[in-house]
Amino acid sequence: MPWLPALPAEPCPWLVGRRYYDAKLCLLHAEQLILRHMHFQVVGSHPHKFLLSFCAAMGASDRVAALGVALLNDCMVYTDLVARLTPEQVAGGALHLALEWAEEASGGRSLRWLREIGLDAASVEAVGHCLLDMVVEVRSREGQLEATNRGVEVD
């Protein structure tokens, strides 16, 4: 392929130092050329941006924001919610659960506020329940792993 830069002729089983960075640059350049040739574009938003904007707009505490970010991080690893729902919905669910856990959702504050920005309260609550289920399942797996590591049988 004439548009790819030439690679070194000799094989190198271990790339270290300057050779590693040269090979890495070559690979990234080739990847960009291939993706551009295919007209490949990824346009997307992460729910983190929305979560932090929601927190700032409603004056949520740093504790709520940190808990919401942690929930979103786990959500991206352990669930498919970010592929099935809009980033706003996922962020709204994480914020709702974070507010509930931090006991800052007095009088339905999170649901009332999220309705004002156009999110459906029922869908936000549903996402919150999915996130809660995720946390329970992950904690259960961690408990089983710890018990296994200690040599304890877990049903």
Protein backbone atom coordinates (compact mmCIF):
# COMPACT_ATOMS: atom_id res chain seq x y z
CA MET A 1 0.00 0.00 0.00
CA PRO A 2 1.76 3.12 -1.20
CA TRP A 3 0.08 5.45 1.31
CA LEU A 4 1.46 3.56 4.31
CA PRO A 5 4.89 4.58 5.57
CA ALA A 6 7.61 1.97 5.22
CA LEU A 7 8.31 -0.16 8.25
CA PRO A 8 11.80 -1.28 9.23
CA ALA A 9 12.88 -4.39 7.30
CA GLU A 10 14.37 -6.23 10.26
CA PRO A 11 12.03 -7.85 12.77
CA CYS A 12 12.13 -6.44 16.24
CA PRO A 13 10.54 -8.59 18.95
CA TRP A 14 10.93 -5.91 21.61
CA LEU A 15 10.23 -2.30 20.89
CA VAL A 16 11.72 0.01 23.45
CA GLY A 17 12.66 3.64 23.56
CA ARG A 18 12.66 5.57 20.31
CA ARG A 19 11.80 2.48 18.21
CA TYR A 20 8.62 1.95 20.24
CA TYR A 21 7.47 5.54 19.73
CA ASP A 22 8.31 5.44 16.01
CA ALA A 23 6.29 2.23 15.57
CA LYS A 24 3.42 3.66 17.61
CA LEU A 25 3.35 6.81 15.49
CA CYS A 26 3.41 4.71 12.31
CA LEU A 27 0.51 2.60 13.55
CA LEU A 28 -1.58 5.63 14.56
CA HIS A 29 -0.91 7.29 11.22
CA ALA A 30 -1.94 4.16 9.29
CA GLU A 31 -5.08 3.81 11.42
CA GLN A 32 -6.07 7.42 10.73
CA LEU A 33 -5.57 6.96 6.99
CA ILE A 34 -7.68 3.80 6.93
CA LEU A 35 -10.48 5.36 8.99
CA ARG A 36 -10.53 8.48 6.81
CA HIS A 37 -10.59 6.34 3.67
CA MET A 38 -13.66 4.53 5.06
CA HIS A 39 -15.26 7.92 5.98
CA PHE A 40 -15.47 6.64 9.55
CA GLN A 41 -16.73 9.17 12.07
CA VAL A 42 -17.65 8.78 15.69
CA VAL A 43 -19.88 11.48 17.03
CA GLY A 44 -21.05 10.98 20.53
CA SER A 45 -21.38 12.47 23.94
CA HIS A 46 -20.45 10.96 27.24
CA PRO A 47 -22.96 11.05 30.07
CA HIS A 48 -20.26 12.48 32.36
CA LYS A 49 -20.52 15.87 30.66
CA PHE A 50 -24.27 15.97 31.25
CA LEU A 51 -23.99 14.73 34.83
CA LEU A 52 -21.53 17.46 35.78
CA SER A 53 -23.63 20.11 34.01
CA PHE A 54 -26.74 18.91 35.85
CA CYS A 55 -24.87 18.98 39.16
CA ALA A 56 -23.61 22.51 38.56
CA ALA A 57 -27.02 23.78 37.46
CA MET A 58 -28.84 22.37 40.47
CA GLY A 59 -26.10 23.19 42.97
CA ALA A 60 -25.43 19.59 43.97
CA SER A 61 -22.58 18.96 46.38
CA ASP A 62 -19.15 17.68 45.37
CA ARG A 63 -20.04 14.44 47.14
CA VAL A 64 -23.06 13.94 44.85
CA ALA A 65 -21.00 14.76 41.76
CA ALA A 66 -18.24 12.31 42.76
CA LEU A 67 -20.77 9.57 43.50
CA GLY A 68 -22.51 10.22 40.17
CA VAL A 69 -19.21 10.00 38.29
CA ALA A 70 -18.36 6.73 40.06
CA LEU A 71 -21.77 5.32 39.11
CA LEU A 72 -21.28 6.34 35.48
CA ASN A 73 -17.80 4.80 35.38
CA ASP A 74 -19.14 1.49 36.68
CA CYS A 75 -22.14 1.77 34.37
CA MET A 76 -19.87 1.99 31.34
CA VAL A 77 -18.00 -1.14 32.43
CA TYR A 78 -20.77 -3.37 33.77
CA THR A 79 -23.89 -2.45 31.77
CA ASP A 80 -25.01 -1.62 28.25
CA LEU A 81 -27.07 1.41 29.32
CA VAL A 82 -24.82 3.89 27.50
CA ALA A 83 -25.43 1.99 24.25
CA ARG A 84 -29.20 1.76 24.72
CA LEU A 85 -30.11 5.16 26.15
CA THR A 86 -29.23 8.78 25.57
CA PRO A 87 -26.34 10.21 27.59
CA GLU A 88 -28.80 12.60 29.25
CA GLN A 89 -30.98 9.72 30.49
CA VAL A 90 -28.02 7.79 31.89
CA ALA A 91 -26.64 10.93 33.56
CA GLY A 92 -30.07 11.72 34.98
CA GLY A 93 -30.38 8.23 36.46
CA ALA A 94 -26.90 8.43 37.98
CA LEU A 95 -27.66 11.85 39.45
CA HIS A 96 -30.98 10.64 40.86
CA LEU A 97 -29.34 7.65 42.56
CA ALA A 98 -26.40 9.76 43.80
CA LEU A 99 -28.80 12.29 45.32
CA GLU A 100 -30.79 9.51 47.00
CA TRP A 101 -27.66 7.89 48.44
CA ALA A 102 -26.25 11.18 49.62
CA GLU A 103 -29.66 11.94 51.16
CA GLU A 104 -29.86 15.24 49.32
CA ALA A 105 -33.05 14.40 47.42
CA SER A 106 -35.46 15.73 50.00
CA GLY A 107 -38.98 16.09 48.70
CA GLY A 108 -38.28 14.55 45.29
CA ARG A 109 -35.79 17.31 44.44
CA SER A 110 -33.91 15.29 41.81
CA LEU A 111 -36.98 14.12 39.91
CA ARG A 112 -38.63 17.54 39.97
CA TRP A 113 -35.46 19.21 38.67
CA LEU A 114 -34.87 16.59 35.98
CA ARG A 115 -38.43 17.01 34.70
CA GLU A 116 -37.72 20.73 34.34
CA ILE A 117 -34.85 20.03 31.96
CA GLY A 118 -36.96 17.68 29.86
CA LEU A 119 -36.15 14.24 31.23
CA ASP A 120 -38.97 11.86 32.02
CA ALA A 121 -39.08 11.07 35.73
CA ALA A 122 -40.11 7.45 35.11
CA SER A 123 -37.17 6.79 32.78
CA VAL A 124 -34.75 8.49 35.18
CA GLU A 125 -36.02 6.33 38.03
CA ALA A 126 -35.76 3.23 35.82
CA VAL A 127 -32.13 4.04 35.01
CA GLY A 128 -31.49 4.63 38.71
CA HIS A 129 -32.93 1.19 39.51
CA CYS A 130 -30.73 -0.41 36.81
CA LEU A 131 -27.69 1.29 38.33
CA LEU A 132 -28.68 0.12 41.80
CA ASP A 133 -29.06 -3.45 40.49
CA MET A 134 -25.60 -3.12 38.92
CA VAL A 135 -24.06 -2.03 42.22
CA VAL A 136 -25.70 -4.91 44.10
CA GLU A 137 -24.54 -7.43 41.50
CA VAL A 138 -20.97 -6.11 41.42
CA ARG A 139 -20.77 -6.13 45.23
CA SER A 140 -22.09 -9.70 45.27
CA ARG A 141 -19.44 -10.79 42.76
CA GLU A 142 -16.73 -9.05 44.77
CA GLY A 143 -17.92 -10.83 47.93
CA GLN A 144 -17.82 -14.19 46.16
CA LEU A 145 -14.33 -13.46 44.86
CA GLU A 146 -13.08 -12.46 48.31
CA ALA A 147 -14.61 -15.58 49.85
CA THR A 148 -13.04 -17.76 47.16
CA ASN A 149 -9.66 -16.14 47.77
CA ARG A 150 -10.00 -16.93 51.49
CA GLY A 151 -11.02 -20.52 50.69
CA VAL A 152 -14.62 -20.16 51.89
CA GLU A 153 -17.42 -21.89 49.97
CA VAL A 154 -20.11 -19.52 48.70
CA ASP A 155 -23.54 -20.73 47.58
